[in-house]
Amino acid sequence: MGLPEASRLQFTSDLSICRILNGMWQLSGAHGRINPQKAIASMFDYLDAGYTTWDLADHYGPAEEFVGEFRRQLQDRRGTDALSHLQAFTKWVPRPGSMTRQSG
């Protein structure tokens, strides 16, 4: 069962995202062992359910590597067009401390 159309947000004229992002923060550590094969299989389950948008960050451990592998497998299994339904956003998070113009 897919998500209803209302679960999507037309973020820009050429970018529609799922309103609920799949967070990859669990990969940041201290959340237990991650089985890469099971994690990738779960990512397919989420995508098939309509959850197409992933939240990454530089401090989420190997989150980018997991999404990269997921994209490779998705393309291999379903073709290049399947990648157009997937969004992944990453961000740089500075170390805690005073923010200056130079650090931003």
PDB file of N, CA and C in Angstrom:
ATOM      1  N   MET A   1       0.840  -1.175   0.000  1.00  0.00           N
ATOM      2  CA  MET A   1       0.000   0.000   0.000  1.00  0.00           C
ATOM      3  C   MET A   1       0.887   1.240   0.000  1.00  0.00           C
ATOM      4  N   GLY A   2       0.726   2.107  -0.980  1.00  0.00           N
ATOM      5  CA  GLY A   2       1.507   3.326  -1.059  1.00  0.00           C
ATOM      6  C   GLY A   2       0.925   4.415  -0.189  1.00  0.00           C
ATOM      7  N   LEU A   3       1.687   5.439  -0.003  1.00  0.00           N
ATOM      8  CA  LEU A   3       1.228   6.589   0.775  1.00  0.00           C
ATOM      9  C   LEU A   3       0.293   7.446  -0.071  1.00  0.00           C
ATOM     10  N   PRO A   4      -0.617   8.169   0.560  1.00  0.00           N
ATOM     11  CA  PRO A   4      -1.506   9.056  -0.204  1.00  0.00           C
ATOM     12  C   PRO A   4      -0.719  10.220  -0.806  1.00  0.00           C
ATOM     13  N   GLU A   5      -1.247  10.822  -1.841  1.00  0.00           N
ATOM     14  CA  GLU A   5      -0.588  11.951  -2.505  1.00  0.00           C
ATOM     15  C   GLU A   5      -0.286  13.084  -1.523  1.00  0.00           C
ATOM     16  N   ALA A   6      -1.113  13.259  -0.500  1.00  0.00           N
ATOM     17  CA  ALA A   6      -0.895  14.318   0.495  1.00  0.00           C
ATOM     18  C   ALA A   6       0.387  14.105   1.298  1.00  0.00           C
ATOM     19  N   SER A   7       0.983  12.916   1.210  1.00  0.00           N
ATOM     20  CA  SER A   7       2.218  12.653   1.937  1.00  0.00           C
ATOM     21  C   SER A   7       3.425  13.259   1.230  1.00  0.00           C
ATOM     22  N   ARG A   8       3.217  13.839   0.053  1.00  0.00           N
ATOM     23  CA  ARG A   8       4.307  14.442  -0.707  1.00  0.00           C
ATOM     24  C   ARG A   8       4.232  15.957  -0.618  1.00  0.00           C
ATOM     25  N   LEU A   9       5.379  16.583  -0.728  1.00  0.00           N
ATOM     26  CA  LEU A   9       5.481  18.032  -0.711  1.00  0.00           C
ATOM     27  C   LEU A   9       6.215  18.461  -1.972  1.00  0.00           C
ATOM     28  N   GLN A  10       5.612  19.369  -2.736  1.00  0.00           N
ATOM     29  CA  GLN A  10       6.286  19.939  -3.899  1.00  0.00           C
ATOM     30  C   GLN A  10       7.235  20.998  -3.360  1.00  0.00           C
ATOM     31  N   PHE A  11       8.443  20.595  -3.074  1.00  0.00           N
ATOM     32  CA  PHE A  11       9.426  21.448  -2.394  1.00  0.00           C
ATOM     33  C   PHE A  11       9.898  22.586  -3.297  1.00  0.00           C
ATOM     34  N   THR A  12      10.182  22.269  -4.543  1.00  0.00           N
ATOM     35  CA  THR A  12      10.500  23.261  -5.564  1.00  0.00           C
ATOM     36  C   THR A  12       9.766  22.840  -6.823  1.00  0.00           C
ATOM     37  N   SER A  13       9.871  23.625  -7.858  1.00  0.00           N
ATOM     38  CA  SER A  13       9.139  23.299  -9.091  1.00  0.00           C
ATOM     39  C   SER A  13       9.559  21.952  -9.676  1.00  0.00           C
ATOM     40  N   ASP A  14      10.783  21.538  -9.403  1.00  0.00           N
ATOM     41  CA  ASP A  14      11.249  20.266  -9.957  1.00  0.00           C
ATOM     42  C   ASP A  14      11.654  19.244  -8.889  1.00  0.00           C
ATOM     43  N   LEU A  15      11.180  19.430  -7.654  1.00  0.00           N
ATOM     44  CA  LEU A  15      11.534  18.506  -6.583  1.00  0.00           C
ATOM     45  C   LEU A  15      10.338  18.248  -5.675  1.00  0.00           C
ATOM     46  N   SER A  16       9.863  17.015  -5.714  1.00  0.00           N
ATOM     47  CA  SER A  16       8.793  16.565  -4.842  1.00  0.00           C
ATOM     48  C   SER A  16       9.397  15.568  -3.859  1.00  0.00           C
ATOM     49  N   ILE A  17       9.159  15.792  -2.557  1.00  0.00           N
ATOM     50  CA  ILE A  17       9.727  14.906  -1.539  1.00  0.00           C
ATOM     51  C   ILE A  17       8.617  14.330  -0.667  1.00  0.00           C
ATOM     52  N   CYS A  18       8.930  13.238  -0.002  1.00  0.00           N
ATOM     53  CA  CYS A  18       8.021  12.673   0.983  1.00  0.00           C
ATOM     54  C   CYS A  18       8.077  13.561   2.225  1.00  0.00           C
ATOM     55  N   ARG A  19       6.922  13.833   2.809  1.00  0.00           N
ATOM     56  CA  ARG A  19       6.882  14.690   4.011  1.00  0.00           C
ATOM     57  C   ARG A  19       7.521  14.019   5.222  1.00  0.00           C
ATOM     58  N   ILE A  20       7.618  12.704   5.203  1.00  0.00           N
ATOM     59  CA  ILE A  20       8.268  11.962   6.282  1.00  0.00           C
ATOM     60  C   ILE A  20       9.589  11.444   5.747  1.00  0.00           C
ATOM     61  N   LEU A  21      10.680  11.925   6.346  1.00  0.00           N
ATOM     62  CA  LEU A  21      12.006  11.512   5.898  1.00  0.00           C
ATOM     63  C   LEU A  21      12.470  10.292   6.663  1.00  0.00           C
ATOM     64  N   ASN A  22      13.169   9.421   5.955  1.00  0.00           N
ATOM     65  CA  ASN A  22      13.805   8.272   6.577  1.00  0.00           C
ATOM     66  C   ASN A  22      15.128   8.746   7.155  1.00  0.00           C
ATOM     67  N   GLY A  23      15.205   8.841   8.463  1.00  0.00           N
ATOM     68  CA  GLY A  23      16.425   9.307   9.110  1.00  0.00           C
ATOM     69  C   GLY A  23      17.447   8.206   9.219  1.00  0.00           C
ATOM     70  N   MET A  24      18.686   8.550   8.981  1.00  0.00           N
ATOM     71  CA  MET A  24      19.766   7.570   9.052  1.00  0.00           C
ATOM     72  C   MET A  24      20.616   7.767  10.312  1.00  0.00           C
ATOM     73  N   TRP A  25      20.083   8.489  11.299  1.00  0.00           N
ATOM     74  CA  TRP A  25      20.827   8.795  12.514  1.00  0.00           C
ATOM     75  C   TRP A  25      21.228   7.545  13.286  1.00  0.00           C
ATOM     76  N   GLN A  26      20.512   6.440  13.099  1.00  0.00           N
ATOM     77  CA  GLN A  26      20.844   5.220  13.835  1.00  0.00           C
ATOM     78  C   GLN A  26      22.247   4.720  13.483  1.00  0.00           C
ATOM     79  N   LEU A  27      22.760   5.145  12.334  1.00  0.00           N
ATOM     80  CA  LEU A  27      24.096   4.723  11.923  1.00  0.00           C
ATOM     81  C   LEU A  27      25.201   5.529  12.594  1.00  0.00           C
ATOM     82  N   SER A  28      24.836   6.533  13.378  1.00  0.00           N
ATOM     83  CA  SER A  28      25.832   7.413  13.982  1.00  0.00           C
ATOM     84  C   SER A  28      26.606   6.758  15.113  1.00  0.00           C
ATOM     85  N   GLY A  29      26.174   5.614  15.565  1.00  0.00           N
ATOM     86  CA  GLY A  29      26.879   4.905  16.629  1.00  0.00           C
ATOM     87  C   GLY A  29      26.066   4.860  17.909  1.00  0.00           C
ATOM     88  N   ALA A  30      26.420   3.923  18.772  1.00  0.00           N
ATOM     89  CA  ALA A  30      25.800   3.742  20.084  1.00  0.00           C
ATOM     90  C   ALA A  30      24.325   3.327  20.000  1.00  0.00           C
ATOM     91  N   HIS A  31      23.899   2.851  18.842  1.00  0.00           N
ATOM     92  CA  HIS A  31      22.513   2.382  18.694  1.00  0.00           C
ATOM     93  C   HIS A  31      22.463   0.894  18.394  1.00  0.00           C
ATOM     94  N   GLY A  32      23.568   0.218  18.548  1.00  0.00           N
ATOM     95  CA  GLY A  32      23.621  -1.207  18.297  1.00  0.00           C
ATOM     96  C   GLY A  32      24.218  -1.519  16.938  1.00  0.00           C
ATOM     97  N   ARG A  33      24.515  -2.786  16.745  1.00  0.00           N
ATOM     98  CA  ARG A  33      25.123  -3.258  15.505  1.00  0.00           C
ATOM     99  C   ARG A  33      24.123  -3.133  14.361  1.00  0.00           C
ATOM    100  N   ILE A  34      24.605  -2.716  13.207  1.00  0.00           N
ATOM    101  CA  ILE A  34      23.780  -2.597  12.009  1.00  0.00           C
ATOM    102  C   ILE A  34      24.191  -3.708  11.045  1.00  0.00           C
ATOM    103  N   ASN A  35      23.242  -4.503  10.618  1.00  0.00           N
ATOM    104  CA  ASN A  35      23.481  -5.512   9.593  1.00  0.00           C
ATOM    105  C   ASN A  35      23.247  -4.845   8.240  1.00  0.00           C
ATOM    106  N   PRO A  36      24.311  -4.610   7.458  1.00  0.00           N
ATOM    107  CA  PRO A  36      24.147  -3.878   6.203  1.00  0.00           C
ATOM    108  C   PRO A  36      23.138  -4.504   5.240  1.00  0.00           C
ATOM    109  N   GLN A  37      23.129  -5.818   5.111  1.00  0.00           N
ATOM    110  CA  GLN A  37      22.196  -6.467   4.189  1.00  0.00           C
ATOM    111  C   GLN A  37      20.743  -6.253   4.618  1.00  0.00           C
ATOM    112  N   LYS A  38      20.480  -6.392   5.912  1.00  0.00           N
ATOM    113  CA  LYS A  38      19.123  -6.166   6.415  1.00  0.00           C
ATOM    114  C   LYS A  38      18.732  -4.696   6.297  1.00  0.00           C
ATOM    115  N   ALA A  39      19.687  -3.804   6.540  1.00  0.00           N
ATOM    116  CA  ALA A  39      19.406  -2.369   6.437  1.00  0.00           C
ATOM    117  C   ALA A  39      19.023  -2.009   5.007  1.00  0.00           C
ATOM    118  N   ILE A  40      19.767  -2.506   4.026  1.00  0.00           N
ATOM    119  CA  ILE A  40      19.461  -2.223   2.620  1.00  0.00           C
ATOM    120  C   ILE A  40      18.116  -2.829   2.245  1.00  0.00           C
ATOM    121  N   ALA A  41      17.841  -4.038   2.709  1.00  0.00           N
ATOM    122  CA  ALA A  41      16.536  -4.663   2.430  1.00  0.00           C
ATOM    123  C   ALA A  41      15.408  -3.819   3.021  1.00  0.00           C
ATOM    124  N   SER A  42      15.604  -3.275   4.220  1.00  0.00           N
ATOM    125  CA  SER A  42      14.593  -2.404   4.837  1.00  0.00           C
ATOM    126  C   SER A  42      14.406  -1.126   4.035  1.00  0.00           C
ATOM    127  N   MET A  43      15.484  -0.625   3.455  1.00  0.00           N
ATOM    128  CA  MET A  43      15.379   0.584   2.636  1.00  0.00           C
ATOM    129  C   MET A  43      14.489   0.317   1.412  1.00  0.00           C
ATOM    130  N   PHE A  44      14.583  -0.857   0.830  1.00  0.00           N
ATOM    131  CA  PHE A  44      13.694  -1.223  -0.271  1.00  0.00           C
ATOM    132  C   PHE A  44      12.243  -1.280   0.211  1.00  0.00           C
ATOM    133  N   ASP A  45      12.025  -1.833   1.400  1.00  0.00           N
ATOM    134  CA  ASP A  45      10.664  -1.898   1.952  1.00  0.00           C
ATOM    135  C   ASP A  45      10.079  -0.494   2.132  1.00  0.00           C
ATOM    136  N   TYR A  46      10.880   0.412   2.686  1.00  0.00           N
ATOM    137  CA  TYR A  46      10.409   1.789   2.867  1.00  0.00           C
ATOM    138  C   TYR A  46      10.106   2.449   1.524  1.00  0.00           C
ATOM    139  N   LEU A  47      11.004   2.281   0.571  1.00  0.00           N
ATOM    140  CA  LEU A  47      10.790   2.871  -0.747  1.00  0.00           C
ATOM    141  C   LEU A  47       9.509   2.330  -1.377  1.00  0.00           C
ATOM    142  N   ASP A  48       9.315   1.040  -1.290  1.00  0.00           N
ATOM    143  CA  ASP A  48       8.112   0.424  -1.871  1.00  0.00           C
ATOM    144  C   ASP A  48       6.832   0.879  -1.179  1.00  0.00           C
ATOM    145  N   ALA A  49       6.936   1.283   0.076  1.00  0.00           N
ATOM    146  CA  ALA A  49       5.768   1.782   0.811  1.00  0.00           C
ATOM    147  C   ALA A  49       5.498   3.258   0.517  1.00  0.00           C
ATOM    148  N   GLY A  50       6.423   3.910  -0.211  1.00  0.00           N
ATOM    149  CA  GLY A  50       6.220   5.298  -0.575  1.00  0.00           C
ATOM    150  C   GLY A  50       7.119   6.293   0.136  1.00  0.00           C
ATOM    151  N   TYR A  51       7.949   5.806   1.045  1.00  0.00           N
ATOM    152  CA  TYR A  51       8.881   6.672   1.765  1.00  0.00           C
ATOM    153  C   TYR A  51      10.144   6.810   0.909  1.00  0.00           C
ATOM    154  N   THR A  52      10.238   7.881   0.170  1.00  0.00           N
ATOM    155  CA  THR A  52      11.263   8.029  -0.860  1.00  0.00           C
ATOM    156  C   THR A  52      12.386   8.988  -0.501  1.00  0.00           C
ATOM    157  N   THR A  53      12.325   9.618   0.666  1.00  0.00           N
ATOM    158  CA  THR A  53      13.252  10.697   0.989  1.00  0.00           C
ATOM    159  C   THR A  53      14.062  10.330   2.232  1.00  0.00           C
ATOM    160  N   TRP A  54      15.388  10.512   2.133  1.00  0.00           N
ATOM    161  CA  TRP A  54      16.312  10.082   3.174  1.00  0.00           C
ATOM    162  C   TRP A  54      17.070  11.281   3.742  1.00  0.00           C
ATOM    163  N   ASP A  55      17.241  11.270   5.063  1.00  0.00           N
ATOM    164  CA  ASP A  55      17.941  12.331   5.781  1.00  0.00           C
ATOM    165  C   ASP A  55      19.299  11.806   6.218  1.00  0.00           C
ATOM    166  N   LEU A  56      20.357  12.465   5.745  1.00  0.00           N
ATOM    167  CA  LEU A  56      21.724  12.067   6.060  1.00  0.00           C
ATOM    168  C   LEU A  56      22.443  13.242   6.712  1.00  0.00           C
ATOM    169  N   ALA A  57      23.567  12.974   7.325  1.00  0.00           N
ATOM    170  CA  ALA A  57      24.406  14.045   7.867  1.00  0.00           C
ATOM    171  C   ALA A  57      25.819  13.514   8.006  1.00  0.00           C
ATOM    172  N   ASP A  58      26.766  14.421   8.028  1.00  0.00           N
ATOM    173  CA  ASP A  58      28.158  14.017   8.128  1.00  0.00           C
ATOM    174  C   ASP A  58      28.455  13.263   9.427  1.00  0.00           C
ATOM    175  N   HIS A  59      27.666  13.438  10.446  1.00  0.00           N
ATOM    176  CA  HIS A  59      27.903  12.746  11.720  1.00  0.00           C
ATOM    177  C   HIS A  59      26.987  11.530  11.907  1.00  0.00           C
ATOM    178  N   TYR A  60      26.358  11.062  10.828  1.00  0.00           N
ATOM    179  CA  TYR A  60      25.529   9.854  10.893  1.00  0.00           C
ATOM    180  C   TYR A  60      26.330   8.628  10.484  1.00  0.00           C
ATOM    181  N   GLY A  61      27.588   8.596  10.818  1.00  0.00           N
ATOM    182  CA  GLY A  61      28.419   7.445  10.497  1.00  0.00           C
ATOM    183  C   GLY A  61      28.428   7.174   9.005  1.00  0.00           C
ATOM    184  N   PRO A  62      28.243   5.919   8.616  1.00  0.00           N
ATOM    185  CA  PRO A  62      28.320   5.567   7.197  1.00  0.00           C
ATOM    186  C   PRO A  62      27.002   5.740   6.438  1.00  0.00           C
ATOM    187  N   ALA A  63      26.178   6.682   6.833  1.00  0.00           N
ATOM    188  CA  ALA A  63      24.862   6.842   6.186  1.00  0.00           C
ATOM    189  C   ALA A  63      24.982   7.041   4.683  1.00  0.00           C
ATOM    190  N   GLU A  64      25.922   7.882   4.246  1.00  0.00           N
ATOM    191  CA  GLU A  64      26.075   8.121   2.816  1.00  0.00           C
ATOM    192  C   GLU A  64      26.474   6.851   2.074  1.00  0.00           C
ATOM    193  N   GLU A  65      27.323   6.040   2.698  1.00  0.00           N
ATOM    194  CA  GLU A  65      27.724   4.782   2.065  1.00  0.00           C
ATOM    195  C   GLU A  65      26.532   3.831   1.931  1.00  0.00           C
ATOM    196  N   PHE A  66      25.678   3.780   2.941  1.00  0.00           N
ATOM    197  CA  PHE A  66      24.493   2.925   2.868  1.00  0.00           C
ATOM    198  C   PHE A  66      23.570   3.384   1.746  1.00  0.00           C
ATOM    199  N   VAL A  67      23.333   4.680   1.657  1.00  0.00           N
ATOM    200  CA  VAL A  67      22.463   5.195   0.595  1.00  0.00           C
ATOM    201  C   VAL A  67      23.102   4.977  -0.765  1.00  0.00           C
ATOM    202  N   GLY A  68      24.420   5.126  -0.849  1.00  0.00           N
ATOM    203  CA  GLY A  68      25.110   4.851  -2.114  1.00  0.00           C
ATOM    204  C   GLY A  68      24.939   3.409  -2.538  1.00  0.00           C
ATOM    205  N   GLU A  69      25.095   2.487  -1.611  1.00  0.00           N
ATOM    206  CA  GLU A  69      24.906   1.067  -1.932  1.00  0.00           C
ATOM    207  C   GLU A  69      23.445   0.784  -2.288  1.00  0.00           C
ATOM    208  N   PHE A  70      22.529   1.386  -1.562  1.00  0.00           N
ATOM    209  CA  PHE A  70      21.110   1.234  -1.865  1.00  0.00           C
ATOM    210  C   PHE A  70      20.815   1.714  -3.288  1.00  0.00           C
ATOM    211  N   ARG A  71      21.366   2.862  -3.665  1.00  0.00           N
ATOM    212  CA  ARG A  71      21.167   3.387  -5.024  1.00  0.00           C
ATOM    213  C   ARG A  71      21.738   2.433  -6.076  1.00  0.00           C
ATOM    214  N   ARG A  72      22.921   1.865  -5.822  1.00  0.00           N
ATOM    215  CA  ARG A  72      23.510   0.910  -6.764  1.00  0.00           C
ATOM    216  C   ARG A  72      22.606  -0.301  -6.939  1.00  0.00           C
ATOM    217  N   GLN A  73      22.130  -0.841  -5.813  1.00  0.00           N
ATOM    218  CA  GLN A  73      21.263  -2.018  -5.897  1.00  0.00           C
ATOM    219  C   GLN A  73      19.927  -1.679  -6.554  1.00  0.00           C
ATOM    220  N   LEU A  74      19.383  -0.514  -6.244  1.00  0.00           N
ATOM    221  CA  LEU A  74      18.119  -0.087  -6.846  1.00  0.00           C
ATOM    222  C   LEU A  74      18.269   0.014  -8.364  1.00  0.00           C
ATOM    223  N   GLN A  75      19.334   0.620  -8.826  1.00  0.00           N
ATOM    224  CA  GLN A  75      19.557   0.741 -10.262  1.00  0.00           C
ATOM    225  C   GLN A  75      19.745  -0.636 -10.898  1.00  0.00           C
ATOM    226  N   ASP A  76      20.514  -1.509 -10.254  1.00  0.00           N
ATOM    227  CA  ASP A  76      20.732  -2.853 -10.791  1.00  0.00           C
ATOM    228  C   ASP A  76      19.438  -3.644 -10.894  1.00  0.00           C
ATOM    229  N   ARG A  77      18.585  -3.547  -9.882  1.00  0.00           N
ATOM    230  CA  ARG A  77      17.351  -4.341  -9.838  1.00  0.00           C
ATOM    231  C   ARG A  77      16.214  -3.745 -10.647  1.00  0.00           C
ATOM    232  N   ARG A  78      16.124  -2.400 -10.673  1.00  0.00           N
ATOM    233  CA  ARG A  78      14.927  -1.770 -11.235  1.00  0.00           C
ATOM    234  C   ARG A  78      15.213  -0.774 -12.354  1.00  0.00           C
ATOM    235  N   GLY A  79      16.469  -0.559 -12.646  1.00  0.00           N
ATOM    236  CA  GLY A  79      16.827   0.336 -13.734  1.00  0.00           C
ATOM    237  C   GLY A  79      17.078   1.759 -13.275  1.00  0.00           C
ATOM    238  N   THR A  80      17.695   2.514 -14.172  1.00  0.00           N
ATOM    239  CA  THR A  80      18.079   3.888 -13.871  1.00  0.00           C
ATOM    240  C   THR A  80      16.884   4.763 -13.536  1.00  0.00           C
ATOM    241  N   ASP A  81      15.743   4.548 -14.171  1.00  0.00           N
ATOM    242  CA  ASP A  81      14.569   5.377 -13.913  1.00  0.00           C
ATOM    243  C   ASP A  81      14.117   5.311 -12.457  1.00  0.00           C
ATOM    244  N   ALA A  82      14.350   4.178 -11.798  1.00  0.00           N
ATOM    245  CA  ALA A  82      13.942   4.039 -10.394  1.00  0.00           C
ATOM    246  C   ALA A  82      14.649   5.052  -9.498  1.00  0.00           C
ATOM    247  N   LEU A  83      15.839   5.490  -9.893  1.00  0.00           N
ATOM    248  CA  LEU A  83      16.581   6.468  -9.092  1.00  0.00           C
ATOM    249  C   LEU A  83      15.895   7.824  -9.058  1.00  0.00           C
ATOM    250  N   SER A  84      15.091   8.123 -10.067  1.00  0.00           N
ATOM    251  CA  SER A  84      14.433   9.433 -10.120  1.00  0.00           C
ATOM    252  C   SER A  84      13.347   9.577  -9.062  1.00  0.00           C
ATOM    253  N   HIS A  85      12.967   8.490  -8.413  1.00  0.00           N
ATOM    254  CA  HIS A  85      11.936   8.526  -7.370  1.00  0.00           C
ATOM    255  C   HIS A  85      12.532   8.594  -5.966  1.00  0.00           C
ATOM    256  N   LEU A  86      13.843   8.685  -5.885  1.00  0.00           N
ATOM    257  CA  LEU A  86      14.560   8.644  -4.613  1.00  0.00           C
ATOM    258  C   LEU A  86      15.238   9.989  -4.362  1.00  0.00           C
ATOM    259  N   GLN A  87      15.119  10.499  -3.146  1.00  0.00           N
ATOM    260  CA  GLN A  87      15.808  11.723  -2.761  1.00  0.00           C
ATOM    261  C   GLN A  87      16.623  11.453  -1.498  1.00  0.00           C
ATOM    262  N   ALA A  88      17.804  12.046  -1.451  1.00  0.00           N
ATOM    263  CA  ALA A  88      18.645  11.941  -0.261  1.00  0.00           C
ATOM    264  C   ALA A  88      19.266  13.304  -0.002  1.00  0.00           C
ATOM    265  N   PHE A  89      19.122  13.785   1.200  1.00  0.00           N
ATOM    266  CA  PHE A  89      19.666  15.082   1.600  1.00  0.00           C
ATOM    267  C   PHE A  89      20.697  14.862   2.689  1.00  0.00           C
ATOM    268  N   THR A  90      21.812  15.534   2.568  1.00  0.00           N
ATOM    269  CA  THR A  90      22.828  15.446   3.593  1.00  0.00           C
ATOM    270  C   THR A  90      23.170  16.855   4.060  1.00  0.00           C
ATOM    271  N   LYS A  91      23.807  16.911   5.181  1.00  0.00           N
ATOM    272  CA  LYS A  91      24.151  18.218   5.728  1.00  0.00           C
ATOM    273  C   LYS A  91      25.461  18.111   6.495  1.00  0.00           C
ATOM    274  N   TRP A  92      26.136  19.218   6.576  1.00  0.00           N
ATOM    275  CA  TRP A  92      27.329  19.331   7.391  1.00  0.00           C
ATOM    276  C   TRP A  92      26.920  19.962   8.701  1.00  0.00           C
ATOM    277  N   VAL A  93      27.331  19.347   9.789  1.00  0.00           N
ATOM    278  CA  VAL A  93      27.011  19.862  11.113  1.00  0.00           C
ATOM    279  C   VAL A  93      28.323  20.225  11.795  1.00  0.00           C
ATOM    280  N   PRO A  94      28.526  21.507  12.083  1.00  0.00           N
ATOM    281  CA  PRO A  94      29.785  21.909  12.716  1.00  0.00           C
ATOM    282  C   PRO A  94      29.883  21.376  14.142  1.00  0.00           C
ATOM    283  N   ARG A  95      31.100  21.287  14.615  1.00  0.00           N
ATOM    284  CA  ARG A  95      31.322  20.876  16.005  1.00  0.00           C
ATOM    285  C   ARG A  95      30.687  21.898  16.937  1.00  0.00           C
ATOM    286  N   PRO A  96      30.187  21.468  18.084  1.00  0.00           N
ATOM    287  CA  PRO A  96      29.602  22.428  19.028  1.00  0.00           C
ATOM    288  C   PRO A  96      30.617  23.493  19.416  1.00  0.00           C
ATOM    289  N   GLY A  97      30.134  24.692  19.574  1.00  0.00           N
ATOM    290  CA  GLY A  97      31.000  25.796  19.968  1.00  0.00           C
ATOM    291  C   GLY A  97      30.461  27.100  19.405  1.00  0.00           C
ATOM    292  N   SER A  98      31.220  28.133  19.615  1.00  0.00           N
ATOM    293  CA  SER A  98      30.822  29.446  19.139  1.00  0.00           C
ATOM    294  C   SER A  98      30.794  29.461  17.614  1.00  0.00           C
ATOM    295  N   MET A  99      29.777  30.086  17.066  1.00  0.00           N
ATOM    296  CA  MET A  99      29.672  30.224  15.616  1.00  0.00           C
ATOM    297  C   MET A  99      30.137  31.618  15.236  1.00  0.00           C
ATOM    298  N   THR A 100      31.004  31.669  14.269  1.00  0.00           N
ATOM    299  CA  THR A 100      31.496  32.934  13.758  1.00  0.00           C
ATOM    300  C   THR A 100      31.201  32.993  12.265  1.00  0.00           C
ATOM    301  N   ARG A 101      31.358  34.132  11.666  1.00  0.00           N
ATOM    302  CA  ARG A 101      31.176  34.248  10.217  1.00  0.00           C
ATOM    303  C   ARG A 101      32.132  33.313   9.481  1.00  0.00           C
ATOM    304  N   GLN A 102      33.320  33.135   9.998  1.00  0.00           N
ATOM    305  CA  GLN A 102      34.321  32.287   9.347  1.00  0.00           C
ATOM    306  C   GLN A 102      33.959  30.803   9.425  1.00  0.00           C
ATOM    307  N   SER A 103      33.280  30.387  10.484  1.00  0.00           N
ATOM    308  CA  SER A 103      32.936  28.968  10.619  1.00  0.00           C
ATOM    309  C   SER A 103      31.684  28.593   9.854  1.00  0.00           C
ATOM    310  N   GLY A 104      30.875  29.557   9.442  1.00  0.00           N
ATOM    311  CA  GLY A 104      29.631  29.279   8.728  1.00  0.00           C
ATOM    312  C   GLY A 104      29.850  29.323   7.285  1.00  0.00           C
TER     313      GLY A 104
END
